[in-house]
Amino acid sequence: MRISELSRQSGVSVPTIKFYLREGLLPAGLPTGRNQADYSERHLRRIRLIRTLTGIAGLDLSSVREILAAIDDDEITLRAAYQVLDRALYLDGSETLGRAAVDSARAEVAEFAEALGWSREASASGGEVLAQVLAGLRSLGCAADAPFFTSYARAAEQLVVAELDLVADDGGTEKGPAMVRSVLFGVALSALRRMAHEHHAARRFPLNVVERRPSNG
């Protein structure tokens, strides 16, 4: 298909598709003439993947580039691909929070992970984020400690086991679907928490309805 048809089917403008091509996010099409190329379903699927990662998951293009590179590299195992994904999703706020505060939280999170029976090394990237969450809460005057998140951890463990069972079903060889599931399931978990929050907040804290009095005019 021509780039105009690729644009129509994907819902993405031609200038944006050309930007993806220049940035190496989208593989080049098959040349058919001067400044012309033919594109396939592969390009359409890649554009949809890029838009899903940048739109629904809210990732920046630098993170998307790392994820796509891991998907395309046949030498990278699924375990290594998950590590690439963790790095791509990681945001470092330790400098803002203060090194001493984050170091203290890191030690607490390490003990927390050990109490859960989780490997410190395997959960290092997530543990760093949790440490920064604790340090951030405390910097804002919010009482917080790692054991508070025990119920979160147990629920997350059940969800991850179910997710990885899907990988086992496909033989553990399809990195692309596995990585996309990991990103989007994280978004789904956040969305479900938000839905539960809205439901229970509405029940506990109903809005005060102010009765309007008719104006004299």
N, C-alpha and C. Protein backbone atom coordinates (compact mmCIF):
# COMPACT_ATOMS: atom_id res chain seq x y z
N MET A 1 0.85 -1.20 0.00
CA MET A 1 0.00 0.00 0.00
C MET A 1 0.88 1.23 0.00
N ARG A 2 0.37 2.32 -0.58
CA ARG A 2 1.09 3.59 -0.56
C ARG A 2 0.97 4.22 0.83
N ILE A 3 1.81 5.22 1.08
CA ILE A 3 1.82 5.84 2.39
C ILE A 3 0.49 6.52 2.70
N SER A 4 -0.19 7.01 1.66
CA SER A 4 -1.50 7.64 1.88
C SER A 4 -2.52 6.62 2.38
N GLU A 5 -2.45 5.39 1.83
CA GLU A 5 -3.35 4.33 2.29
C GLU A 5 -2.97 3.86 3.69
N LEU A 6 -1.67 3.81 3.97
CA LEU A 6 -1.21 3.46 5.31
C LEU A 6 -1.73 4.48 6.33
N SER A 7 -1.73 5.73 5.93
CA SER A 7 -2.26 6.79 6.78
C SER A 7 -3.75 6.62 7.02
N ARG A 8 -4.47 6.30 5.96
CA ARG A 8 -5.92 6.14 6.07
C ARG A 8 -6.28 4.98 6.98
N GLN A 9 -5.60 3.85 6.79
CA GLN A 9 -5.94 2.66 7.58
C GLN A 9 -5.51 2.79 9.04
N SER A 10 -4.42 3.49 9.28
CA SER A 10 -3.91 3.61 10.64
C SER A 10 -4.52 4.78 11.40
N GLY A 11 -5.06 5.76 10.66
CA GLY A 11 -5.59 6.96 11.30
C GLY A 11 -4.50 7.92 11.73
N VAL A 12 -3.29 7.73 11.23
CA VAL A 12 -2.14 8.57 11.58
C VAL A 12 -1.76 9.39 10.34
N SER A 13 -1.47 10.65 10.55
CA SER A 13 -1.19 11.53 9.41
C SER A 13 0.09 11.12 8.69
N VAL A 14 0.17 11.48 7.42
CA VAL A 14 1.37 11.18 6.62
C VAL A 14 2.61 11.82 7.23
N PRO A 15 2.57 13.11 7.65
CA PRO A 15 3.77 13.70 8.28
C PRO A 15 4.23 12.92 9.52
N THR A 16 3.29 12.41 10.31
CA THR A 16 3.67 11.64 11.50
C THR A 16 4.31 10.31 11.10
N ILE A 17 3.77 9.66 10.07
CA ILE A 17 4.36 8.42 9.59
C ILE A 17 5.78 8.67 9.08
N LYS A 18 5.98 9.76 8.37
CA LYS A 18 7.32 10.10 7.88
C LYS A 18 8.27 10.37 9.04
N PHE A 19 7.73 10.97 10.12
CA PHE A 19 8.55 11.20 11.31
C PHE A 19 8.97 9.88 11.92
N TYR A 20 8.05 8.92 12.02
CA TYR A 20 8.39 7.60 12.55
C TYR A 20 9.47 6.93 11.69
N LEU A 21 9.37 7.10 10.38
CA LEU A 21 10.37 6.53 9.47
C LEU A 21 11.74 7.17 9.70
N ARG A 22 11.77 8.50 9.82
CA ARG A 22 13.05 9.20 10.04
C ARG A 22 13.68 8.80 11.36
N GLU A 23 12.84 8.59 12.38
CA GLU A 23 13.33 8.26 13.72
C GLU A 23 13.69 6.79 13.87
N GLY A 24 13.42 5.98 12.85
CA GLY A 24 13.73 4.56 12.92
C GLY A 24 12.75 3.74 13.72
N LEU A 25 11.62 4.34 14.08
CA LEU A 25 10.58 3.61 14.81
C LEU A 25 9.81 2.69 13.88
N LEU A 26 9.74 3.08 12.62
CA LEU A 26 9.02 2.34 11.60
C LEU A 26 10.01 1.93 10.52
N PRO A 27 10.07 0.64 10.15
CA PRO A 27 11.01 0.22 9.11
C PRO A 27 10.65 0.83 7.76
N ALA A 28 11.66 1.00 6.95
CA ALA A 28 11.44 1.59 5.63
C ALA A 28 10.55 0.67 4.78
N GLY A 29 9.79 1.29 3.88
CA GLY A 29 8.98 0.52 2.96
C GLY A 29 9.81 -0.01 1.80
N LEU A 30 9.18 -0.80 0.95
CA LEU A 30 9.85 -1.35 -0.23
C LEU A 30 9.85 -0.28 -1.33
N PRO A 31 11.05 0.18 -1.75
CA PRO A 31 11.11 1.24 -2.77
C PRO A 31 10.44 0.79 -4.07
N THR A 32 9.63 1.67 -4.63
CA THR A 32 8.94 1.36 -5.89
C THR A 32 9.23 2.42 -6.95
N GLY A 33 9.97 3.45 -6.58
CA GLY A 33 10.27 4.52 -7.51
C GLY A 33 10.91 5.68 -6.76
N ARG A 34 11.14 6.77 -7.46
CA ARG A 34 11.75 7.93 -6.84
C ARG A 34 10.80 8.50 -5.77
N ASN A 35 11.31 8.52 -4.52
CA ASN A 35 10.56 9.05 -3.37
C ASN A 35 9.23 8.32 -3.16
N GLN A 36 9.17 7.07 -3.58
CA GLN A 36 7.96 6.30 -3.38
C GLN A 36 8.31 4.93 -2.80
N ALA A 37 7.41 4.39 -1.98
CA ALA A 37 7.65 3.08 -1.37
C ALA A 37 6.31 2.40 -1.13
N ASP A 38 6.39 1.10 -0.99
CA ASP A 38 5.20 0.31 -0.72
C ASP A 38 5.27 -0.19 0.72
N TYR A 39 4.12 -0.16 1.41
CA TYR A 39 4.06 -0.56 2.81
C TYR A 39 3.09 -1.73 2.97
N SER A 40 3.30 -2.48 4.06
CA SER A 40 2.54 -3.72 4.24
C SER A 40 1.79 -3.71 5.57
N GLU A 41 1.13 -4.84 5.84
CA GLU A 41 0.43 -5.01 7.11
C GLU A 41 1.39 -4.91 8.29
N ARG A 42 2.63 -5.29 8.04
CA ARG A 42 3.65 -5.18 9.10
C ARG A 42 3.80 -3.74 9.55
N HIS A 43 3.81 -2.81 8.60
CA HIS A 43 3.93 -1.40 8.95
C HIS A 43 2.69 -0.91 9.68
N LEU A 44 1.55 -1.39 9.26
CA LEU A 44 0.30 -1.00 9.92
C LEU A 44 0.29 -1.47 11.37
N ARG A 45 0.72 -2.72 11.60
CA ARG A 45 0.76 -3.25 12.97
C ARG A 45 1.76 -2.48 13.81
N ARG A 46 2.90 -2.10 13.22
CA ARG A 46 3.92 -1.35 13.97
C ARG A 46 3.40 0.03 14.36
N ILE A 47 2.71 0.68 13.46
CA ILE A 47 2.15 2.00 13.78
C ILE A 47 1.13 1.87 14.92
N ARG A 48 0.29 0.86 14.84
CA ARG A 48 -0.69 0.66 15.91
C ARG A 48 -0.01 0.38 17.24
N LEU A 49 1.11 -0.35 17.21
CA LEU A 49 1.87 -0.61 18.42
C LEU A 49 2.45 0.69 18.98
N ILE A 50 3.04 1.49 18.10
CA ILE A 50 3.61 2.77 18.55
C ILE A 50 2.54 3.66 19.17
N ARG A 51 1.39 3.73 18.52
CA ARG A 51 0.31 4.60 19.02
C ARG A 51 -0.24 4.07 20.34
N THR A 52 -0.27 2.75 20.50
CA THR A 52 -0.73 2.18 21.76
C THR A 52 0.23 2.52 22.89
N LEU A 53 1.52 2.39 22.63
CA LEU A 53 2.52 2.67 23.66
C LEU A 53 2.59 4.15 24.01
N THR A 54 2.43 5.01 23.00
CA THR A 54 2.50 6.45 23.29
C THR A 54 1.17 7.00 23.77
N GLY A 55 0.07 6.40 23.31
CA GLY A 55 -1.25 6.91 23.67
C GLY A 55 -1.78 6.32 24.95
N ILE A 56 -2.16 5.05 24.92
CA ILE A 56 -2.75 4.41 26.09
C ILE A 56 -1.75 4.31 27.24
N ALA A 57 -0.52 3.88 26.93
CA ALA A 57 0.48 3.71 27.99
C ALA A 57 1.16 5.02 28.36
N GLY A 58 1.08 6.03 27.49
CA GLY A 58 1.65 7.34 27.80
C GLY A 58 3.17 7.39 27.82
N LEU A 59 3.83 6.50 27.05
CA LEU A 59 5.29 6.48 27.03
C LEU A 59 5.84 7.51 26.06
N ASP A 60 7.03 8.02 26.37
CA ASP A 60 7.66 8.94 25.44
C ASP A 60 8.36 8.14 24.33
N LEU A 61 8.77 8.84 23.27
CA LEU A 61 9.33 8.14 22.11
C LEU A 61 10.65 7.46 22.43
N SER A 62 11.41 8.01 23.37
CA SER A 62 12.68 7.38 23.74
C SER A 62 12.43 6.01 24.35
N SER A 63 11.43 5.91 25.22
CA SER A 63 11.09 4.63 25.84
C SER A 63 10.54 3.67 24.79
N VAL A 64 9.70 4.17 23.90
CA VAL A 64 9.14 3.33 22.84
C VAL A 64 10.25 2.78 21.96
N ARG A 65 11.24 3.61 21.66
CA ARG A 65 12.36 3.17 20.81
C ARG A 65 13.09 1.99 21.47
N GLU A 66 13.34 2.08 22.78
CA GLU A 66 14.02 1.00 23.49
C GLU A 66 13.20 -0.29 23.45
N ILE A 67 11.91 -0.17 23.64
CA ILE A 67 11.04 -1.34 23.64
C ILE A 67 11.01 -2.00 22.26
N LEU A 68 10.87 -1.18 21.22
CA LEU A 68 10.82 -1.72 19.86
C LEU A 68 12.14 -2.39 19.49
N ALA A 69 13.25 -1.81 19.93
CA ALA A 69 14.56 -2.39 19.63
C ALA A 69 14.69 -3.77 20.27
N ALA A 70 14.17 -3.91 21.50
CA ALA A 70 14.23 -5.20 22.19
C ALA A 70 13.34 -6.23 21.48
N ILE A 71 12.18 -5.79 21.02
CA ILE A 71 11.28 -6.69 20.30
C ILE A 71 11.93 -7.18 19.02
N ASP A 72 12.64 -6.29 18.33
CA ASP A 72 13.21 -6.62 17.02
C ASP A 72 14.51 -7.43 17.12
N ASP A 73 15.17 -7.39 18.28
CA ASP A 73 16.47 -8.06 18.43
C ASP A 73 16.26 -9.55 18.77
N ASP A 74 16.57 -10.41 17.82
CA ASP A 74 16.37 -11.85 18.01
C ASP A 74 17.33 -12.45 19.04
N GLU A 75 18.40 -11.70 19.38
CA GLU A 75 19.38 -12.21 20.33
C GLU A 75 18.96 -11.96 21.78
N ILE A 76 17.95 -11.11 21.99
CA ILE A 76 17.52 -10.78 23.35
C ILE A 76 16.45 -11.77 23.81
N THR A 77 16.68 -12.39 24.96
CA THR A 77 15.70 -13.32 25.52
C THR A 77 14.52 -12.53 26.09
N LEU A 78 13.43 -13.25 26.38
CA LEU A 78 12.26 -12.59 26.96
C LEU A 78 12.60 -12.01 28.32
N ARG A 79 13.38 -12.73 29.13
CA ARG A 79 13.77 -12.21 30.45
C ARG A 79 14.54 -10.90 30.30
N ALA A 80 15.47 -10.84 29.36
CA ALA A 80 16.23 -9.62 29.12
C ALA A 80 15.33 -8.52 28.56
N ALA A 81 14.33 -8.91 27.75
CA ALA A 81 13.40 -7.93 27.20
C ALA A 81 12.57 -7.28 28.31
N TYR A 82 12.17 -8.07 29.30
CA TYR A 82 11.44 -7.51 30.44
C TYR A 82 12.31 -6.50 31.19
N GLN A 83 13.61 -6.77 31.29
CA GLN A 83 14.52 -5.84 31.95
C GLN A 83 14.64 -4.54 31.17
N VAL A 84 14.67 -4.65 29.85
CA VAL A 84 14.66 -3.44 29.00
C VAL A 84 13.39 -2.65 29.25
N LEU A 85 12.28 -3.35 29.35
CA LEU A 85 10.99 -2.71 29.60
C LEU A 85 10.99 -1.98 30.93
N ASP A 86 11.53 -2.60 31.96
CA ASP A 86 11.60 -1.96 33.28
C ASP A 86 12.41 -0.67 33.21
N ARG A 87 13.54 -0.71 32.50
CA ARG A 87 14.37 0.50 32.37
C ARG A 87 13.64 1.59 31.60
N ALA A 88 12.90 1.20 30.58
CA ALA A 88 12.19 2.18 29.76
C ALA A 88 11.08 2.86 30.54
N LEU A 89 10.48 2.14 31.49
CA LEU A 89 9.37 2.69 32.26
C LEU A 89 9.85 3.45 33.49
N TYR A 90 11.13 3.32 33.82
CA TYR A 90 11.64 3.87 35.08
C TYR A 90 11.88 5.37 34.99
N LEU A 91 11.40 6.08 36.00
CA LEU A 91 11.65 7.52 36.12
C LEU A 91 12.39 7.76 37.42
N ASP A 92 13.53 8.45 37.36
CA ASP A 92 14.37 8.66 38.53
C ASP A 92 14.08 10.02 39.17
N GLY A 93 13.59 9.98 40.39
CA GLY A 93 13.33 11.23 41.11
C GLY A 93 14.18 11.37 42.34
N SER A 94 15.24 10.55 42.47
CA SER A 94 16.04 10.51 43.69
C SER A 94 16.74 11.84 43.96
N GLU A 95 17.17 12.53 42.92
CA GLU A 95 17.87 13.80 43.14
C GLU A 95 16.94 14.83 43.75
N THR A 96 15.69 14.82 43.34
CA THR A 96 14.72 15.78 43.88
C THR A 96 14.36 15.45 45.32
N LEU A 97 14.26 14.17 45.63
CA LEU A 97 13.81 13.75 46.96
C LEU A 97 14.91 13.80 48.00
N GLY A 98 16.14 13.73 47.57
CA GLY A 98 17.25 13.73 48.51
C GLY A 98 17.81 12.33 48.69
N ARG A 99 19.12 12.21 48.60
CA ARG A 99 19.75 10.89 48.62
C ARG A 99 19.52 10.16 49.94
N ALA A 100 19.64 10.87 51.07
CA ALA A 100 19.51 10.22 52.37
C ALA A 100 18.10 9.64 52.55
N ALA A 101 17.09 10.40 52.12
CA ALA A 101 15.71 9.94 52.27
C ALA A 101 15.44 8.70 51.43
N VAL A 102 15.97 8.70 50.21
CA VAL A 102 15.76 7.55 49.32
C VAL A 102 16.56 6.34 49.81
N ASP A 103 17.78 6.56 50.30
CA ASP A 103 18.58 5.45 50.83
C ASP A 103 17.87 4.76 51.99
N SER A 104 17.28 5.56 52.88
CA SER A 104 16.54 5.00 54.02
C SER A 104 15.35 4.17 53.53
N ALA A 105 14.64 4.71 52.55
CA ALA A 105 13.48 3.98 52.00
C ALA A 105 13.93 2.72 51.27
N ARG A 106 15.07 2.76 50.60
CA ARG A 106 15.59 1.57 49.89
C ARG A 106 15.81 0.42 50.87
N ALA A 107 16.41 0.73 52.02
CA ALA A 107 16.67 -0.31 53.01
C ALA A 107 15.36 -0.93 53.50
N GLU A 108 14.36 -0.10 53.70
CA GLU A 108 13.06 -0.58 54.16
C GLU A 108 12.39 -1.44 53.10
N VAL A 109 12.48 -1.03 51.85
CA VAL A 109 11.88 -1.80 50.76
C VAL A 109 12.59 -3.13 50.58
N ALA A 110 13.91 -3.16 50.77
CA ALA A 110 14.66 -4.42 50.66
C ALA A 110 14.18 -5.42 51.72
N GLU A 111 13.95 -4.95 52.92
CA GLU A 111 13.43 -5.83 53.98
C GLU A 111 12.01 -6.29 53.65
N PHE A 112 11.23 -5.38 53.08
CA PHE A 112 9.86 -5.69 52.69
C PHE A 112 9.84 -6.79 51.63
N ALA A 113 10.68 -6.66 50.62
CA ALA A 113 10.75 -7.67 49.55
C ALA A 113 11.18 -9.02 50.10
N GLU A 114 12.12 -8.99 51.04
CA GLU A 114 12.59 -10.24 51.64
C GLU A 114 11.46 -10.91 52.44
N ALA A 115 10.66 -10.10 53.15
CA ALA A 115 9.55 -10.63 53.92
C ALA A 115 8.49 -11.26 53.01
N LEU A 116 8.37 -10.72 51.79
CA LEU A 116 7.43 -11.28 50.82
C LEU A 116 7.95 -12.55 50.16
N GLY A 117 9.25 -12.80 50.35
CA GLY A 117 9.86 -13.95 49.69
C GLY A 117 10.32 -13.65 48.29
N TRP A 118 10.46 -12.37 47.96
CA TRP A 118 10.88 -11.98 46.62
C TRP A 118 12.39 -11.75 46.59
N SER A 119 13.00 -12.11 45.47
CA SER A 119 14.43 -11.89 45.28
C SER A 119 14.73 -10.40 45.19
N ARG A 120 15.71 -9.94 45.96
CA ARG A 120 16.08 -8.52 45.90
C ARG A 120 16.59 -8.15 44.50
N GLU A 121 17.39 -9.05 43.91
CA GLU A 121 17.96 -8.74 42.60
C GLU A 121 16.89 -8.70 41.53
N ALA A 122 15.99 -9.68 41.55
CA ALA A 122 14.97 -9.76 40.50
C ALA A 122 13.98 -8.61 40.57
N SER A 123 13.74 -8.09 41.77
CA SER A 123 12.76 -7.01 41.92
C SER A 123 13.42 -5.66 42.16
N ALA A 124 14.67 -5.52 41.75
CA ALA A 124 15.43 -4.31 42.06
C ALA A 124 14.84 -3.05 41.44
N SER A 125 14.44 -3.12 40.17
CA SER A 125 13.95 -1.90 39.50
C SER A 125 12.63 -1.44 40.11
N GLY A 126 11.71 -2.38 40.35
CA GLY A 126 10.46 -2.03 41.00
C GLY A 126 10.67 -1.55 42.41
N GLY A 127 11.63 -2.17 43.10
CA GLY A 127 11.94 -1.76 44.46
C GLY A 127 12.46 -0.34 44.52
N GLU A 128 13.23 0.06 43.52
CA GLU A 128 13.73 1.44 43.48
C GLU A 128 12.58 2.43 43.34
N VAL A 129 11.60 2.11 42.50
CA VAL A 129 10.45 2.99 42.32
C VAL A 129 9.65 3.08 43.63
N LEU A 130 9.44 1.92 44.29
CA LEU A 130 8.70 1.93 45.55
C LEU A 130 9.43 2.74 46.61
N ALA A 131 10.74 2.65 46.64
CA ALA A 131 11.52 3.44 47.59
C ALA A 131 11.32 4.93 47.35
N GLN A 132 11.27 5.33 46.09
CA GLN A 132 11.06 6.74 45.79
C GLN A 132 9.64 7.17 46.11
N VAL A 133 8.68 6.25 45.96
CA VAL A 133 7.30 6.55 46.36
C VAL A 133 7.24 6.83 47.86
N LEU A 134 7.87 5.96 48.65
CA LEU A 134 7.89 6.15 50.10
C LEU A 134 8.56 7.46 50.48
N ALA A 135 9.72 7.72 49.88
CA ALA A 135 10.43 8.96 50.17
C ALA A 135 9.60 10.18 49.78
N GLY A 136 8.91 10.07 48.63
CA GLY A 136 8.06 11.17 48.18
C GLY A 136 6.90 11.43 49.12
N LEU A 137 6.26 10.36 49.58
CA LEU A 137 5.15 10.50 50.53
C LEU A 137 5.62 11.19 51.80
N ARG A 138 6.75 10.74 52.31
CA ARG A 138 7.27 11.30 53.55
C ARG A 138 7.68 12.75 53.40
N SER A 139 8.21 13.09 52.24
CA SER A 139 8.62 14.49 52.01
C SER A 139 7.42 15.43 52.02
N LEU A 140 6.23 14.87 51.74
CA LEU A 140 5.00 15.66 51.73
C LEU A 140 4.24 15.56 53.05
N GLY A 141 4.86 14.92 54.04
CA GLY A 141 4.22 14.83 55.34
C GLY A 141 3.21 13.73 55.47
N CYS A 142 3.21 12.77 54.53
CA CYS A 142 2.26 11.65 54.58
C CYS A 142 2.91 10.46 55.28
N ALA A 143 2.27 9.96 56.32
CA ALA A 143 2.79 8.79 57.02
C ALA A 143 2.74 7.60 56.08
N ALA A 144 3.87 6.90 55.92
CA ALA A 144 3.91 5.76 55.01
C ALA A 144 5.06 4.85 55.38
N ASP A 145 4.82 3.56 55.28
CA ASP A 145 5.89 2.58 55.42
C ASP A 145 5.63 1.45 54.44
N ALA A 146 6.66 0.67 54.17
CA ALA A 146 6.55 -0.36 53.14
C ALA A 146 5.48 -1.41 53.45
N PRO A 147 5.34 -1.88 54.70
CA PRO A 147 4.33 -2.92 54.96
C PRO A 147 2.90 -2.51 54.59
N PHE A 148 2.63 -1.21 54.52
CA PHE A 148 1.29 -0.78 54.10
C PHE A 148 0.94 -1.37 52.74
N PHE A 149 1.96 -1.60 51.89
CA PHE A 149 1.72 -2.05 50.52
C PHE A 149 1.65 -3.58 50.41
N THR A 150 1.53 -4.27 51.53
CA THR A 150 1.47 -5.74 51.48
C THR A 150 0.30 -6.23 50.64
N SER A 151 -0.88 -5.64 50.84
CA SER A 151 -2.05 -6.08 50.06
C SER A 151 -1.85 -5.77 48.58
N TYR A 152 -1.22 -4.63 48.28
CA TYR A 152 -0.90 -4.30 46.89
C TYR A 152 0.02 -5.38 46.30
N ALA A 153 1.03 -5.75 47.10
CA ALA A 153 2.03 -6.70 46.61
C ALA A 153 1.41 -8.06 46.33
N ARG A 154 0.55 -8.53 47.23
CA ARG A 154 -0.06 -9.84 47.04
C ARG A 154 -1.00 -9.85 45.84
N ALA A 155 -1.76 -8.77 45.69
CA ALA A 155 -2.65 -8.67 44.52
C ALA A 155 -1.83 -8.62 43.23
N ALA A 156 -0.73 -7.85 43.25
CA ALA A 156 0.13 -7.75 42.06
C ALA A 156 0.74 -9.09 41.72
N GLU A 157 1.12 -9.86 42.75
CA GLU A 157 1.73 -11.17 42.51
C GLU A 157 0.75 -12.10 41.80
N GLN A 158 -0.49 -12.11 42.23
CA GLN A 158 -1.49 -12.96 41.59
C GLN A 158 -1.70 -12.55 40.14
N LEU A 159 -1.73 -11.24 39.89
CA LEU A 159 -1.95 -10.75 38.53
C LEU A 159 -0.78 -11.10 37.62
N VAL A 160 0.43 -10.97 38.15
CA VAL A 160 1.62 -11.25 37.34
C VAL A 160 1.72 -12.74 37.02
N VAL A 161 1.39 -13.59 37.98
CA VAL A 161 1.41 -15.04 37.71
C VAL A 161 0.43 -15.37 36.58
N ALA A 162 -0.76 -14.77 36.64
CA ALA A 162 -1.75 -15.00 35.57
C ALA A 162 -1.23 -14.48 34.23
N GLU A 163 -0.55 -13.32 34.26
CA GLU A 163 0.00 -12.75 33.03
C GLU A 163 1.07 -13.66 32.43
N LEU A 164 1.99 -14.14 33.28
CA LEU A 164 3.08 -14.97 32.78
C LEU A 164 2.59 -16.35 32.35
N ASP A 165 1.44 -16.78 32.86
CA ASP A 165 0.85 -18.02 32.36
C ASP A 165 0.48 -17.87 30.88
N LEU A 166 0.11 -16.65 30.47
CA LEU A 166 -0.19 -16.42 29.06
C LEU A 166 1.06 -16.58 28.21
N VAL A 167 2.21 -16.17 28.76
CA VAL A 167 3.48 -16.34 28.04
C VAL A 167 3.79 -17.81 27.89
N ALA A 168 3.56 -18.59 28.95
CA ALA A 168 3.82 -20.03 28.88
C ALA A 168 2.95 -20.69 27.82
N ASP A 169 1.73 -20.18 27.65
CA ASP A 169 0.82 -20.76 26.67
C ASP A 169 1.33 -20.61 25.24
N ASP A 170 2.08 -19.51 24.97
CA ASP A 170 2.58 -19.34 23.60
C ASP A 170 4.03 -19.81 23.46
N GLY A 171 4.51 -20.53 24.45
CA GLY A 171 5.85 -21.10 24.37
C GLY A 171 6.94 -20.17 24.83
N GLY A 172 6.58 -18.97 25.23
CA GLY A 172 7.56 -18.01 25.73
C GLY A 172 8.47 -17.44 24.66
N THR A 173 8.05 -17.52 23.40
CA THR A 173 8.93 -17.07 22.31
C THR A 173 8.49 -15.75 21.70
N GLU A 174 7.25 -15.32 21.98
CA GLU A 174 6.74 -14.11 21.35
C GLU A 174 6.98 -12.90 22.26
N LYS A 175 8.13 -12.24 22.06
CA LYS A 175 8.48 -11.12 22.93
C LYS A 175 7.53 -9.94 22.77
N GLY A 176 7.15 -9.65 21.53
CA GLY A 176 6.30 -8.48 21.28
C GLY A 176 5.02 -8.51 22.07
N PRO A 177 4.18 -9.55 21.90
CA PRO A 177 2.93 -9.62 22.67
C PRO A 177 3.16 -9.62 24.17
N ALA A 178 4.22 -10.31 24.63
CA ALA A 178 4.49 -10.39 26.07
C ALA A 178 4.83 -9.01 26.62
N MET A 179 5.65 -8.23 25.91
CA MET A 179 6.03 -6.90 26.38
C MET A 179 4.86 -5.94 26.33
N VAL A 180 4.07 -6.03 25.28
CA VAL A 180 2.90 -5.15 25.17
C VAL A 180 1.89 -5.47 26.28
N ARG A 181 1.68 -6.77 26.53
CA ARG A 181 0.79 -7.14 27.63
C ARG A 181 1.29 -6.56 28.95
N SER A 182 2.59 -6.65 29.18
CA SER A 182 3.14 -6.15 30.44
C SER A 182 2.87 -4.66 30.62
N VAL A 183 3.04 -3.89 29.56
CA VAL A 183 2.78 -2.45 29.63
C VAL A 183 1.29 -2.19 29.84
N LEU A 184 0.46 -2.79 29.02
CA LEU A 184 -0.97 -2.48 29.05
C LEU A 184 -1.68 -3.07 30.27
N PHE A 185 -1.20 -4.20 30.77
CA PHE A 185 -1.78 -4.74 32.00
C PHE A 185 -1.49 -3.81 33.17
N GLY A 186 -0.31 -3.17 33.13
CA GLY A 186 0.00 -2.17 34.16
C GLY A 186 -0.95 -1.00 34.08
N VAL A 187 -1.28 -0.57 32.87
CA VAL A 187 -2.24 0.51 32.68
C VAL A 187 -3.62 0.06 33.17
N ALA A 188 -3.99 -1.19 32.86
CA ALA A 188 -5.29 -1.71 33.29
C ALA A 188 -5.39 -1.77 34.81
N LEU A 189 -4.30 -2.18 35.46
CA LEU A 189 -4.30 -2.24 36.92
C LEU A 189 -4.50 -0.85 37.52
N SER A 190 -3.84 0.13 36.94
CA SER A 190 -4.02 1.51 37.40
C SER A 190 -5.45 1.98 37.17
N ALA A 191 -6.03 1.61 36.02
CA ALA A 191 -7.40 2.02 35.70
C ALA A 191 -8.39 1.38 36.66
N LEU A 192 -8.19 0.09 36.99
CA LEU A 192 -9.08 -0.59 37.91
C LEU A 192 -8.99 0.01 39.31
N ARG A 193 -7.78 0.35 39.73
CA ARG A 193 -7.63 1.01 41.02
C ARG A 193 -8.37 2.34 41.03
N ARG A 194 -8.28 3.07 39.91
CA ARG A 194 -8.98 4.36 39.81
C ARG A 194 -10.50 4.16 39.87
N MET A 195 -10.99 3.12 39.18
CA MET A 195 -12.43 2.85 39.21
C MET A 195 -12.89 2.51 40.63
N ALA A 196 -12.11 1.66 41.31
CA ALA A 196 -12.45 1.30 42.69
C ALA A 196 -12.39 2.51 43.60
N HIS A 197 -11.39 3.36 43.37
CA HIS A 197 -11.24 4.57 44.18
C HIS A 197 -12.45 5.49 44.00
N GLU A 198 -12.86 5.67 42.76
CA GLU A 198 -14.02 6.54 42.50
C GLU A 198 -15.29 5.98 43.12
N HIS A 199 -15.45 4.65 43.03
CA HIS A 199 -16.65 4.02 43.58
C HIS A 199 -16.72 4.18 45.10
N HIS A 200 -15.63 3.84 45.78
CA HIS A 200 -15.66 3.88 47.24
C HIS A 200 -15.58 5.30 47.79
N ALA A 201 -14.90 6.18 47.07
CA ALA A 201 -14.88 7.57 47.51
C ALA A 201 -16.26 8.19 47.42
N ALA A 202 -17.01 7.82 46.38
CA ALA A 202 -18.37 8.35 46.23
C ALA A 202 -19.28 7.84 47.35
N ARG A 203 -19.06 6.59 47.79
CA ARG A 203 -19.89 6.04 48.86
C ARG A 203 -19.52 6.63 50.21
N ARG A 204 -18.24 6.88 50.42
CA ARG A 204 -17.80 7.39 51.73
C ARG A 204 -17.96 8.90 51.86
N PHE A 205 -17.74 9.58 50.76
CA PHE A 205 -17.74 11.04 50.81
C PHE A 205 -18.70 11.60 49.77
N PRO A 206 -20.01 11.48 49.99
CA PRO A 206 -20.97 11.98 49.01
C PRO A 206 -20.86 13.49 48.87
N LEU A 207 -21.13 13.93 47.66
CA LEU A 207 -21.08 15.36 47.40
C LEU A 207 -22.22 16.05 48.14
N ASN A 208 -21.94 17.20 48.71
CA ASN A 208 -22.98 17.97 49.36
C ASN A 208 -23.79 18.70 48.30
N VAL A 209 -25.08 18.47 48.28
CA VAL A 209 -25.94 19.12 47.30
C VAL A 209 -26.49 20.39 47.93
N VAL A 210 -26.15 21.48 47.34
CA VAL A 210 -26.59 22.77 47.86
C VAL A 210 -27.94 23.11 47.24
N GLU A 211 -28.93 23.28 48.08
CA GLU A 211 -30.27 23.59 47.57
C GLU A 211 -30.29 25.01 47.06
N ARG A 212 -30.72 25.15 45.85
CA ARG A 212 -30.80 26.49 45.26
C ARG A 212 -32.11 27.17 45.63
N ARG A 213 -32.00 28.38 46.11
CA ARG A 213 -33.21 29.15 46.44
C ARG A 213 -33.61 30.00 45.25
N PRO A 214 -34.90 30.10 44.99
CA PRO A 214 -35.31 30.93 43.86
C PRO A 214 -34.95 32.39 44.09
N SER A 215 -34.47 33.02 43.05
CA SER A 215 -34.11 34.44 43.17
C SER A 215 -35.34 35.31 43.23
N ASN A 216 -35.17 36.46 43.85
CA ASN A 216 -36.28 37.39 43.98
C ASN A 216 -36.63 38.05 42.63
N GLY A 217 -35.64 37.94 41.75
CA GLY A 217 -35.87 38.58 40.46
C GLY A 217 -36.67 37.71 39.56
